[in-house]
């Protein structure tokens, strides 16, 4: 079977982006796996496109041999992503077409290897890994900046509330004043019942009431200096929410994949985002440098 024509734009997209993105078809959508027949048709479409991508890459064999070599490396990634093999095809002609494609790629790899050094080959493998996570690498600097900002916000919240009493009735002298006032009031009331005409009893009642009012006022003034309980609860809830958001962002599959590329141990940089930021910047710059070095010829 003859492969359909593939535009140069499609070839460039294949070479500079994630390998699987060059193929609009997939074996499943939103987790719903297609039928065996549909999967076979998808496999044929992918095989046809890969044949054309490899054919186009051969144009660079004598001038930029790393381009066809990268095309072959990316082909292996496509094979793994779509789980392609001759067993995927039911028609004998399709099986033969796939086997011929694999043989052609093996031959092209053999032609490329003498033309490139070990460092270039290693760089091409790294570039292919970076391309597979291109969107994650692009998002990583924003993620780490957000994490650092959230860490600072947690520090501000902790400075406000760590060690702050959840509730307070005021200093001991306030409690003593209230107790004295309550005792004086109770004593005065008991005396009033026996002798309302005793002026000393009336004075004691007035003083007791005044002491109770002053003690209550001082206690209210003191309590106002503390963070209100409901406000404290709001800030503590915010603290917990930010922690959960940070944990979800940091330990997401996408961000961990970038840390893995940067050869950073997540458990060692959770409390040191600056180290993670430096490693992510290195990956971002390396990705850019490799693209410029090996793919500029594609335009």
Protein backbone atom coordinates (compact mmCIF):
# COMPACT_ATOMS: atom_id res chain seq x y z
CA UNK A 1 0.00 0.00 0.00
CA UNK A 2 1.23 3.47 -0.85
CA UNK A 3 1.43 5.99 1.97
CA UNK A 4 -0.61 9.19 1.61
CA UNK A 5 1.18 12.50 1.15
CA UNK A 6 2.14 14.37 4.33
CA UNK A 7 2.79 18.09 4.24
CA UNK A 8 6.11 19.62 5.26
CA UNK A 9 4.29 21.47 8.03
CA UNK A 10 3.09 18.16 9.45
CA UNK A 11 6.63 16.82 9.29
CA UNK A 12 7.99 19.88 11.11
CA UNK A 13 5.32 19.55 13.79
CA UNK A 14 6.27 15.91 14.20
CA UNK A 15 9.94 16.75 14.59
CA UNK A 16 9.64 19.65 17.04
CA UNK A 17 6.70 18.54 19.20
CA UNK A 18 5.58 15.49 21.17
CA UNK A 19 5.66 12.53 18.79
CA UNK A 20 2.13 11.40 19.54
CA UNK A 21 0.69 14.86 18.84
CA UNK A 22 1.47 14.44 15.16
CA UNK A 23 -1.22 11.78 14.99
CA UNK A 24 -4.74 13.09 15.55
CA UNK A 25 -6.09 9.57 16.00
CA UNK A 26 -5.90 7.67 19.26
CA UNK A 27 -6.74 4.21 20.54
CA UNK A 28 -9.24 5.65 23.02
CA UNK A 29 -11.10 8.83 23.84
CA UNK A 30 -11.79 9.82 27.46
CA UNK A 31 -10.98 6.30 28.53
CA UNK A 32 -13.42 4.67 26.08
CA UNK A 33 -11.42 2.08 24.12
CA UNK A 34 -12.33 1.71 20.47
CA UNK A 35 -13.26 -1.57 18.86
CA UNK A 36 -10.59 -3.89 17.49
CA UNK A 37 -11.51 -2.89 13.95
CA UNK A 38 -11.23 0.81 14.77
CA UNK A 39 -7.90 0.27 16.49
CA UNK A 40 -6.63 -1.56 13.40
CA UNK A 41 -7.66 1.37 11.20
CA UNK A 42 -5.93 3.80 13.55
CA UNK A 43 -2.78 1.67 13.47
CA UNK A 44 -2.80 1.80 9.66
CA UNK A 45 -3.21 5.58 9.66
CA UNK A 46 -0.29 5.96 12.06
CA UNK A 47 1.85 3.56 10.03
CA UNK A 48 1.17 5.48 6.82
CA UNK A 49 2.06 8.81 8.44
CA UNK A 50 5.21 7.41 9.98
CA UNK A 51 6.29 6.09 6.59
CA UNK A 52 6.03 9.58 5.11
CA UNK A 53 7.79 11.23 8.07
CA UNK A 54 10.71 8.83 7.70
CA UNK A 55 10.80 9.37 3.94
CA UNK A 56 10.97 13.16 4.40
CA UNK A 57 13.71 12.87 7.02
CA UNK A 58 15.94 11.06 4.53
CA UNK A 59 16.34 14.34 2.63
CA UNK A 60 18.63 15.52 5.45
CA UNK A 61 20.78 12.38 5.70
CA UNK A 62 23.83 13.81 3.94
CA UNK A 63 23.68 17.32 5.41
CA UNK A 64 22.08 17.04 8.87
CA UNK A 65 22.07 13.32 9.74
CA UNK A 66 20.77 14.03 13.24
CA UNK A 67 17.37 14.89 11.75
CA UNK A 68 16.65 11.42 10.31
CA UNK A 69 18.19 9.92 13.46
CA UNK A 70 15.78 11.94 15.61
CA UNK A 71 12.91 10.86 13.35
CA UNK A 72 13.83 7.24 14.02
CA UNK A 73 14.04 7.80 17.78
CA UNK A 74 10.65 9.50 17.74
CA UNK A 75 9.25 6.59 15.72
CA UNK A 76 10.11 4.23 18.58
CA UNK A 77 8.21 6.52 20.91
CA UNK A 78 5.17 6.39 18.61
CA UNK A 79 5.39 2.60 18.49
CA UNK A 80 5.35 2.43 22.30
CA UNK A 81 2.58 5.00 22.66
CA UNK A 82 0.23 3.25 20.22
CA UNK A 83 1.46 -0.25 21.09
CA UNK A 84 2.12 -0.94 17.42
CA UNK A 85 3.37 -4.21 16.01
CA UNK A 86 2.52 -6.47 13.08
CA UNK A 87 0.13 -8.32 15.40
CA UNK A 88 -2.03 -5.17 15.51
CA UNK A 89 -3.02 -5.70 11.85
CA UNK A 90 -5.43 -8.36 10.67
CA UNK A 91 -4.80 -8.02 6.95
CA UNK A 92 -1.67 -9.78 5.73
CA UNK A 93 -0.88 -6.86 3.41
CA UNK A 94 -0.93 -4.46 6.36
CA UNK A 95 1.36 -6.76 8.32
CA UNK A 96 3.81 -6.79 5.44
CA UNK A 97 3.62 -3.01 5.11
CA UNK A 98 4.46 -2.61 8.80
CA UNK A 99 7.34 -5.07 8.64
CA UNK A 100 8.75 -3.21 5.62
CA UNK A 101 8.51 0.09 7.52
CA UNK A 102 10.39 -1.35 10.51
CA UNK A 103 13.07 -2.73 8.21
CA UNK A 104 13.39 0.65 6.48
CA UNK A 105 13.81 2.44 9.81
CA UNK A 106 16.44 -0.04 10.98
CA UNK A 107 18.35 0.57 7.74
CA UNK A 108 18.11 4.36 8.15
CA UNK A 109 19.37 4.14 11.74
CA UNK A 110 22.35 2.12 10.51
CA UNK A 111 23.10 4.83 7.96
CA UNK A 112 22.84 7.65 10.52
CA UNK A 113 24.93 6.21 13.34
CA UNK A 114 28.34 6.47 11.60
CA UNK A 115 27.57 10.09 10.77
CA UNK A 116 26.92 11.32 14.32
CA UNK A 117 28.94 11.08 17.52
CA UNK A 118 27.87 9.63 20.86
CA UNK A 119 27.23 13.05 22.37
CA UNK A 120 24.87 13.98 19.56
CA UNK A 121 23.01 10.69 19.90
CA UNK A 122 22.63 11.22 23.65
CA UNK A 123 21.42 14.79 23.08
CA UNK A 124 18.82 13.57 20.57
CA UNK A 125 17.44 11.12 23.11
CA UNK A 126 17.26 13.89 25.70
CA UNK A 127 15.57 16.19 23.19
CA UNK A 128 12.97 13.54 22.43
CA UNK A 129 12.24 13.17 26.17
CA UNK A 130 11.93 16.94 26.51
CA UNK A 131 9.57 17.13 23.54
CA UNK A 132 7.28 14.54 25.11
CA UNK A 133 6.86 16.90 28.08
CA UNK A 134 7.01 20.21 26.22
CA UNK A 135 3.81 21.62 27.73
CA UNK A 136 4.79 20.49 31.23
CA UNK A 137 8.22 22.10 30.91
CA UNK A 138 6.63 25.34 29.70
CA UNK A 139 4.25 25.36 32.69
CA UNK A 140 6.84 24.40 35.34
CA UNK A 141 8.35 27.91 35.91
CA UNK A 142 4.86 29.31 36.55
CA UNK A 143 4.11 26.45 38.92
CA UNK A 144 7.28 26.95 40.95
CA UNK A 145 6.71 30.73 41.11
CA UNK A 146 3.19 30.13 42.41
CA UNK A 147 4.47 27.65 44.98
CA UNK A 148 7.05 30.15 46.26
CA UNK A 149 4.38 32.85 46.53
CA UNK A 150 2.08 30.50 48.41
CA UNK A 151 4.91 29.54 50.78
CA UNK A 152 5.39 33.24 51.58
CA UNK A 153 1.66 33.63 52.19
CA UNK A 154 1.74 30.70 54.61
CA UNK A 155 4.57 32.42 56.46
CA UNK A 156 2.53 35.60 56.86
CA UNK A 157 -0.46 33.66 58.18
CA UNK A 158 1.70 31.66 60.59
CA UNK A 159 3.26 34.87 61.92
CA UNK A 160 -0.21 36.10 62.83
CA UNK A 161 -1.59 33.02 64.46
CA UNK A 162 1.07 30.58 65.55
CA UNK A 163 1.06 30.74 69.37
CA UNK A 164 -1.99 33.01 69.56
CA UNK A 165 -4.39 31.76 72.26
CA UNK A 166 -7.62 30.42 70.85
CA UNK A 167 -9.56 32.05 73.69
CA UNK A 168 -8.73 34.21 76.72
CA UNK A 169 -10.69 35.61 79.64
CA UNK A 170 -8.11 38.31 80.30
CA UNK A 171 -5.40 38.74 82.92
CA UNK A 172 -5.91 37.24 86.45
CA UNK A 173 -6.70 40.63 87.97
CA UNK A 174 -9.70 40.97 85.70
CA UNK A 175 -11.06 37.66 86.88
CA UNK A 176 -10.37 38.69 90.47
CA UNK A 177 -12.22 41.98 89.97
CA UNK A 178 -15.25 40.21 88.57
CA UNK A 179 -15.18 37.71 91.44
CA UNK A 180 -15.00 40.50 94.04
CA UNK A 181 -17.79 42.39 92.33
CA UNK A 182 -19.95 39.30 92.20
CA UNK A 183 -19.29 38.57 95.88
CA UNK A 184 -20.03 42.15 96.88
CA UNK A 185 -23.22 42.16 94.90
CA UNK A 186 -24.40 38.89 96.38
CA UNK A 187 -23.57 40.06 99.89
CA UNK A 188 -25.33 43.36 99.35
CA UNK A 189 -28.46 41.68 98.06
CA UNK A 190 -28.57 39.37 101.05
CA UNK A 191 -28.23 42.33 103.40
CA UNK A 192 -30.86 44.36 101.57
CA UNK A 193 -33.38 41.64 102.25
CA UNK A 194 -32.70 42.03 105.98
CA UNK A 195 -32.13 45.77 106.31
CA UNK A 196 -32.79 48.02 103.31
CA UNK A 197 -32.30 51.13 105.49
CA UNK A 198 -28.65 50.41 106.31
CA UNK A 199 -26.69 52.97 104.25
CA UNK A 200 -23.56 50.83 104.38
CA UNK A 201 -25.37 48.08 102.59
CA UNK A 202 -26.43 50.51 99.88
CA UNK A 203 -22.88 51.77 99.46
CA UNK A 204 -21.61 48.21 99.23
CA UNK A 205 -24.18 47.41 96.53
CA UNK A 206 -23.26 50.51 94.54
CA UNK A 207 -19.53 49.77 94.80
CA UNK A 208 -20.07 46.15 93.86
CA UNK A 209 -22.06 47.15 90.80
CA UNK A 210 -19.45 49.71 89.79
CA UNK A 211 -16.67 47.14 90.22
CA UNK A 212 -18.57 44.67 88.03
CA UNK A 213 -19.05 47.29 85.29
CA UNK A 214 -15.37 48.35 85.35
CA UNK A 215 -14.15 44.75 85.34
CA UNK A 216 -16.40 43.87 82.41
CA UNK A 217 -15.25 46.95 80.47
CA UNK A 218 -11.56 46.20 81.06
CA UNK A 219 -12.06 42.59 80.07
CA UNK A 220 -13.75 43.64 76.83
CA UNK A 221 -10.94 46.11 76.07
CA UNK A 222 -8.31 43.44 76.65
CA UNK A 223 -10.11 40.88 74.48
CA UNK A 224 -10.34 43.35 71.62
CA UNK A 225 -6.55 43.39 71.45
CA UNK A 226 -6.54 39.70 70.53
CA UNK A 227 -7.38 38.35 67.08
CA UNK A 228 -11.13 37.65 66.98
CA UNK A 229 -11.80 33.92 67.09
CA UNK A 230 -13.84 33.86 63.89
CA UNK A 231 -11.12 35.78 62.02
CA UNK A 232 -8.52 33.35 63.30
CA UNK A 233 -10.59 30.44 62.05
CA UNK A 234 -10.85 32.02 58.59
CA UNK A 235 -7.09 32.44 58.40
CA UNK A 236 -6.46 28.92 59.64
CA UNK A 237 -8.87 27.60 56.99
CA UNK A 238 -7.00 29.64 54.37
CA UNK A 239 -3.72 28.20 55.64
CA UNK A 240 -5.04 24.67 55.24
CA UNK A 241 -6.45 25.39 51.77
CA UNK A 242 -3.14 26.82 50.52
CA UNK A 243 -1.25 23.82 51.86
CA UNK A 244 -3.57 21.46 49.98
CA UNK A 245 -3.21 23.47 46.76
CA UNK A 246 0.59 23.46 47.08
CA UNK A 247 0.69 19.72 47.70
CA UNK A 248 -1.59 19.02 44.71
CA UNK A 249 0.49 21.21 42.36
CA UNK A 250 3.89 19.99 43.54
CA UNK A 251 3.03 16.29 43.51
CA UNK A 252 1.06 16.36 40.27
CA UNK A 253 2.22 13.89 37.62
CA UNK A 254 3.10 16.76 35.28
CA UNK A 255 5.34 18.63 37.72
CA UNK A 256 6.99 15.46 39.03
CA UNK A 257 7.81 14.48 35.45
CA UNK A 258 9.70 17.76 34.98
CA UNK A 259 11.54 17.29 38.29
CA UNK A 260 12.51 13.81 37.10
CA UNK A 261 13.93 15.30 33.89
CA UNK A 262 15.83 17.79 36.04
CA UNK A 263 17.12 14.89 38.17
CA UNK A 264 15.68 16.45 41.31
CA UNK A 265 14.42 14.40 44.25
CA UNK A 266 10.97 15.84 45.13
CA UNK A 267 11.28 14.94 48.81
CA UNK A 268 14.48 16.98 49.06
CA UNK A 269 13.17 20.16 47.45
CA UNK A 270 9.69 20.40 48.99
CA UNK A 271 11.17 22.75 51.58
CA UNK A 272 13.62 24.31 49.12
CA UNK A 273 11.77 25.65 46.09
CA UNK A 274 14.81 27.71 45.08
CA UNK A 275 16.72 24.52 44.28
CA UNK A 276 13.79 23.24 42.23
CA UNK A 277 13.54 26.58 40.41
CA UNK A 278 17.22 26.46 39.42
CA UNK A 279 16.84 22.87 38.13
CA UNK A 280 13.71 23.77 36.15
CA UNK A 281 15.45 26.78 34.60
CA UNK A 282 18.28 24.48 33.55
CA UNK A 283 15.84 22.08 31.85
CA UNK A 284 14.05 24.95 30.11
CA UNK A 285 17.30 26.43 28.82
CA UNK A 286 18.66 23.04 27.77
CA UNK A 287 15.45 22.28 25.88
CA UNK A 288 15.71 25.60 24.05
CA UNK A 289 19.40 25.08 23.25
CA UNK A 290 18.82 21.58 21.85
CA UNK A 291 15.98 22.81 19.66
CA UNK A 292 18.16 25.56 18.25
CA UNK A 293 21.15 23.26 17.75
CA UNK A 294 19.39 20.37 16.00
CA UNK A 295 16.12 21.64 14.55
CA UNK A 296 16.92 25.09 13.17
CA UNK A 297 17.38 23.58 9.70
CA UNK A 298 13.69 22.68 9.63
CA UNK A 299 12.75 26.38 9.61
